[in-house]
């Protein structure tokens, strides 16, 4: 029935390789703003191919121009990764296979952090008892440099005294969010994007909306201490993660930071 199709082994291999490439691209970009750009360009590309097949010259020409602009957008978005890759190609000794693979680590989407979760939760528990509001953003695979630049940069090893002093009500650093990378506090007074979702209950204020907003746009996770109730909340992928005990919460966060 499909004799009219000229389908060879190379065609199958071509499809498989493209599928693998798309899968790892999605895995790398999942949870970032850039994924929306890639999806948009992919949709335009599919429509462009359809208009070409239907000989719709004017529309296919317009879409072709849009695609050329999309390539420029991708270069701008991924300029740092492209630069790293080109530098690696130009300077790496390919006879050293292990060295070459190590240079590709910046493309990996696996998470490898050494964050001291027990200290973070212990500090949050102390803040909870005094109903001191706090918002801690823990970086995962997506770099949060674009948010770090909105606050005060620092490089402090996580410990209970520093966390409590940051969120102390009379501290000049308590407004905004604190960003944690690996086991270091890298910024305070950070301004986060606020979620515009209508699904968020009205009892939650800007602190919780900001936590939901940043986890919607990146793969970061957030720990929030409510200033009104002292309740400790955990947000991931734009949603509240429910837990029964502090021990269970610690296990959940540890799992999220290792997957």
Protein backbone atom coordinates (compact mmCIF):
# COMPACT_ATOMS: atom_id res chain seq x y z
CA UNK A 1 0.00 0.00 0.00
CA UNK A 2 2.95 2.32 0.70
CA UNK A 3 4.99 1.21 -2.29
CA UNK A 4 5.08 4.80 -3.58
CA UNK A 5 7.24 5.81 -0.59
CA UNK A 6 10.99 5.59 -1.14
CA UNK A 7 11.94 4.73 2.45
CA UNK A 8 15.43 3.39 3.18
CA UNK A 9 17.46 2.51 6.26
CA UNK A 10 19.21 5.89 6.07
CA UNK A 11 15.83 7.62 6.29
CA UNK A 12 15.01 5.70 9.47
CA UNK A 13 18.43 6.55 10.92
CA UNK A 14 17.93 10.20 9.98
CA UNK A 15 14.57 10.31 11.81
CA UNK A 16 16.02 8.62 14.91
CA UNK A 17 18.98 11.02 15.08
CA UNK A 18 16.71 14.06 14.71
CA UNK A 19 14.40 12.69 17.44
CA UNK A 20 17.36 12.17 19.80
CA UNK A 21 18.65 15.67 19.05
CA UNK A 22 15.23 17.22 19.76
CA UNK A 23 14.87 15.20 22.97
CA UNK A 24 18.18 16.33 24.42
CA UNK A 25 17.58 19.91 23.30
CA UNK A 26 14.25 19.89 25.14
CA UNK A 27 15.86 18.27 28.19
CA UNK A 28 18.57 20.94 28.23
CA UNK A 29 16.15 23.86 27.85
CA UNK A 30 13.23 22.59 29.95
CA UNK A 31 12.22 25.11 32.59
CA UNK A 32 13.83 28.11 30.88
CA UNK A 33 12.40 31.04 28.96
CA UNK A 34 14.45 29.89 25.95
CA UNK A 35 12.26 26.79 25.50
CA UNK A 36 9.38 29.04 24.42
CA UNK A 37 11.57 30.52 21.68
CA UNK A 38 12.58 27.06 20.44
CA UNK A 39 8.97 25.81 20.43
CA UNK A 40 7.85 28.92 18.55
CA UNK A 41 10.56 28.50 15.91
CA UNK A 42 9.72 24.78 15.57
CA UNK A 43 6.03 25.58 14.95
CA UNK A 44 6.91 28.23 12.37
CA UNK A 45 9.25 25.75 10.67
CA UNK A 46 6.49 23.10 10.43
CA UNK A 47 4.01 25.64 9.03
CA UNK A 48 6.67 26.87 6.60
CA UNK A 49 7.25 23.34 5.30
CA UNK A 50 3.49 22.84 4.92
CA UNK A 51 3.12 26.07 2.92
CA UNK A 52 6.02 25.03 0.70
CA UNK A 53 4.40 21.67 0.02
CA UNK A 54 1.14 23.45 -0.86
CA UNK A 55 3.02 25.95 -3.09
CA UNK A 56 1.83 28.95 -1.07
CA UNK A 57 4.67 31.17 -2.24
CA UNK A 58 3.84 34.42 -0.43
CA UNK A 59 3.18 32.88 3.00
CA UNK A 60 6.15 30.53 2.75
CA UNK A 61 8.38 33.50 1.86
CA UNK A 62 7.20 35.47 4.90
CA UNK A 63 7.72 32.47 7.20
CA UNK A 64 11.17 31.96 5.71
CA UNK A 65 12.15 35.49 6.74
CA UNK A 66 10.77 34.87 10.24
CA UNK A 67 12.86 31.71 10.54
CA UNK A 68 16.02 33.54 9.59
CA UNK A 69 15.27 35.99 12.41
CA UNK A 70 14.65 33.04 14.74
CA UNK A 71 18.16 31.74 14.11
CA UNK A 72 19.56 35.12 15.16
CA UNK A 73 17.41 35.00 18.31
CA UNK A 74 18.81 31.57 19.16
CA UNK A 75 22.37 32.81 18.70
CA UNK A 76 21.67 35.71 21.08
CA UNK A 77 20.00 33.51 23.71
CA UNK A 78 22.70 30.84 23.64
CA UNK A 79 25.72 33.04 22.99
CA UNK A 80 27.55 31.95 26.15
CA UNK A 81 27.04 28.23 25.45
CA UNK A 82 28.06 28.67 21.79
CA UNK A 83 31.18 30.59 22.86
CA UNK A 84 32.14 27.87 25.36
CA UNK A 85 31.64 25.16 22.74
CA UNK A 86 33.72 26.98 20.10
CA UNK A 87 36.50 27.65 22.61
CA UNK A 88 36.45 24.00 23.56
CA UNK A 89 36.72 22.92 19.91
CA UNK A 90 39.59 25.34 19.29
CA UNK A 91 41.66 24.54 22.36
CA UNK A 92 40.87 20.95 23.33
CA UNK A 93 43.19 18.05 22.62
CA UNK A 94 40.93 15.47 21.01
CA UNK A 95 43.42 12.70 21.67
CA UNK A 96 42.38 12.94 25.29
CA UNK A 97 38.87 11.51 25.20
CA UNK A 98 38.21 12.01 28.90
CA UNK A 99 39.26 15.65 28.71
CA UNK A 100 36.95 16.20 25.76
CA UNK A 101 33.97 14.71 27.58
CA UNK A 102 34.70 16.79 30.67
CA UNK A 103 34.62 19.94 28.53
CA UNK A 104 31.05 19.06 27.54
CA UNK A 105 29.78 19.20 31.12
CA UNK A 106 28.23 22.63 30.58
CA UNK A 107 25.72 20.94 28.22
CA UNK A 108 24.59 18.40 30.78
CA UNK A 109 21.15 18.82 32.34
CA UNK A 110 21.89 16.66 35.37
CA UNK A 111 21.90 18.50 38.67
CA UNK A 112 24.94 18.37 40.92
CA UNK A 113 24.66 20.60 43.98
CA UNK A 114 26.12 20.38 47.48
CA UNK A 115 23.57 22.61 49.19
CA UNK A 116 23.32 22.15 52.96
CA UNK A 117 19.57 21.60 53.09
CA UNK A 118 19.54 20.75 56.80
CA UNK A 119 21.04 24.14 57.68
CA UNK A 120 18.60 25.95 55.39
CA UNK A 121 15.60 24.21 56.91
CA UNK A 122 16.91 24.68 60.44
CA UNK A 123 17.24 28.42 59.78
CA UNK A 124 13.77 28.55 58.23
CA UNK A 125 12.38 26.75 61.27
CA UNK A 126 13.90 29.43 63.55
CA UNK A 127 12.47 32.17 61.31
CA UNK A 128 9.11 30.42 61.38
CA UNK A 129 8.95 30.55 65.18
CA UNK A 130 9.33 34.34 65.14
CA UNK A 131 7.13 34.76 62.03
CA UNK A 132 9.98 36.33 60.12
CA UNK A 133 9.29 36.30 56.39
CA UNK A 134 11.88 34.71 54.10
CA UNK A 135 12.24 33.71 50.46
CA UNK A 136 15.13 31.45 49.46
CA UNK A 137 15.68 30.46 45.83
CA UNK A 138 17.87 27.40 45.23
CA UNK A 139 19.50 27.29 41.80
CA UNK A 140 19.51 23.99 39.93
CA UNK A 141 20.60 23.62 36.28
CA UNK A 142 19.36 27.00 35.00
CA UNK A 143 21.77 29.81 35.85
CA UNK A 144 20.04 32.69 37.62
CA UNK A 145 22.60 35.39 36.78
CA UNK A 146 19.88 37.53 35.19
CA UNK A 147 18.21 37.64 38.62
CA UNK A 148 21.42 38.00 40.64
CA UNK A 149 22.10 41.28 38.84
CA UNK A 150 18.89 42.78 40.27
CA UNK A 151 20.09 42.43 43.87
CA UNK A 152 23.21 42.69 46.02
CA UNK A 153 25.81 40.10 45.11
CA UNK A 154 27.68 38.23 47.83
CA UNK A 155 29.62 35.01 48.27
CA UNK A 156 28.84 33.64 51.71
CA UNK A 157 28.91 30.02 52.80
CA UNK A 158 25.51 28.92 54.07
CA UNK A 159 25.18 29.01 57.84
CA UNK A 160 22.37 29.65 60.29
CA UNK A 161 23.62 33.01 61.58
CA UNK A 162 23.95 34.57 58.11
CA UNK A 163 20.51 33.41 56.97
CA UNK A 164 18.80 34.74 60.08
CA UNK A 165 20.68 38.04 59.89
CA UNK A 166 19.69 38.49 56.23
CA UNK A 167 15.97 38.08 56.95
CA UNK A 168 15.96 39.92 60.28
CA UNK A 169 13.18 42.50 60.01
CA UNK A 170 15.46 45.48 60.58
CA UNK A 171 18.14 44.22 58.22
CA UNK A 172 18.62 46.22 54.99
CA UNK A 173 18.93 42.88 53.16
CA UNK A 174 15.63 41.29 54.20
CA UNK A 175 13.56 42.67 51.30
CA UNK A 176 13.39 40.51 48.20
CA UNK A 177 14.78 37.01 47.70
CA UNK A 178 18.05 35.31 48.53
CA UNK A 179 19.62 33.08 45.87
CA UNK A 180 21.61 29.98 46.79
CA UNK A 181 24.04 28.33 44.37
CA UNK A 182 25.63 25.06 45.51
CA UNK A 183 26.37 25.81 49.16
CA UNK A 184 26.80 29.58 48.86
CA UNK A 185 24.48 32.55 49.17
CA UNK A 186 25.31 34.47 45.99
CA UNK A 187 22.79 37.33 46.17
CA UNK A 188 20.27 39.03 48.44
CA UNK A 189 17.52 41.61 47.88
CA UNK A 190 16.86 39.97 44.51
CA UNK A 191 13.77 41.02 42.55
CA UNK A 192 11.86 38.01 41.22
CA UNK A 193 9.24 37.86 38.47
CA UNK A 194 5.77 37.68 40.03
CA UNK A 195 3.38 35.03 38.75
CA UNK A 196 0.19 36.30 37.14
CA UNK A 197 -1.61 32.99 37.59
CA UNK A 198 -5.24 33.26 38.74
CA UNK A 199 -5.00 29.84 40.41
CA UNK A 200 -3.03 31.19 43.38
CA UNK A 201 -5.27 31.54 46.49
CA UNK A 202 -5.78 35.11 47.65
CA UNK A 203 -4.31 34.35 51.08
CA UNK A 204 -0.83 34.18 49.53
CA UNK A 205 1.03 37.45 49.13
CA UNK A 206 3.78 38.75 46.86
CA UNK A 207 6.44 36.55 48.47
CA UNK A 208 4.61 33.38 47.44
CA UNK A 209 3.68 34.78 44.03
CA UNK A 210 7.33 35.62 43.40
CA UNK A 211 8.34 32.06 44.34
CA UNK A 212 5.78 30.64 41.93
CA UNK A 213 6.87 33.10 39.24
CA UNK A 214 10.56 32.20 39.31
CA UNK A 215 9.83 28.45 39.40
CA UNK A 216 7.51 28.81 36.41
CA UNK A 217 10.26 30.40 34.33
CA UNK A 218 13.26 28.36 35.57
CA UNK A 219 13.88 24.98 37.19
CA UNK A 220 14.86 26.61 40.51
CA UNK A 221 13.06 25.62 43.72
CA UNK A 222 11.98 27.95 46.54
CA UNK A 223 11.56 27.80 50.28
CA UNK A 224 9.22 30.42 51.74
CA UNK A 225 8.52 31.40 55.34
CA UNK A 226 5.24 33.25 55.74
CA UNK A 227 5.41 36.49 57.70
CA UNK A 228 1.73 36.19 58.67
CA UNK A 229 1.53 32.55 59.78
CA UNK A 230 5.14 31.38 60.05
CA UNK A 231 4.27 28.47 57.74
CA UNK A 232 7.14 27.04 55.67
CA UNK A 233 6.20 26.40 52.03
CA UNK A 234 8.10 24.68 49.24
CA UNK A 235 7.52 25.56 45.58
CA UNK A 236 8.68 23.69 42.48
CA UNK A 237 7.63 24.04 38.82
CA UNK A 238 5.17 26.78 39.75
CA UNK A 239 3.31 24.60 42.26
CA UNK A 240 3.26 24.12 46.02
CA UNK A 241 4.73 20.79 47.13
CA UNK A 242 2.89 19.39 50.14
CA UNK A 243 4.65 17.56 52.95
CA UNK A 244 3.78 16.25 56.41
CA UNK A 245 6.98 16.61 58.40
CA UNK A 246 10.20 18.65 58.20
CA UNK A 247 12.07 15.38 57.63
CA UNK A 248 9.88 14.61 54.62
CA UNK A 249 10.47 18.11 53.25
CA UNK A 250 14.23 17.65 53.60
CA UNK A 251 14.04 14.38 51.66
CA UNK A 252 11.94 15.99 48.92
CA UNK A 253 14.39 18.86 48.46
CA UNK A 254 17.40 16.53 48.53
CA UNK A 255 15.77 14.42 45.82
CA UNK A 256 14.95 17.47 43.68
CA UNK A 257 18.54 18.71 43.91
CA UNK A 258 19.99 15.36 42.88
CA UNK A 259 17.71 14.51 39.93
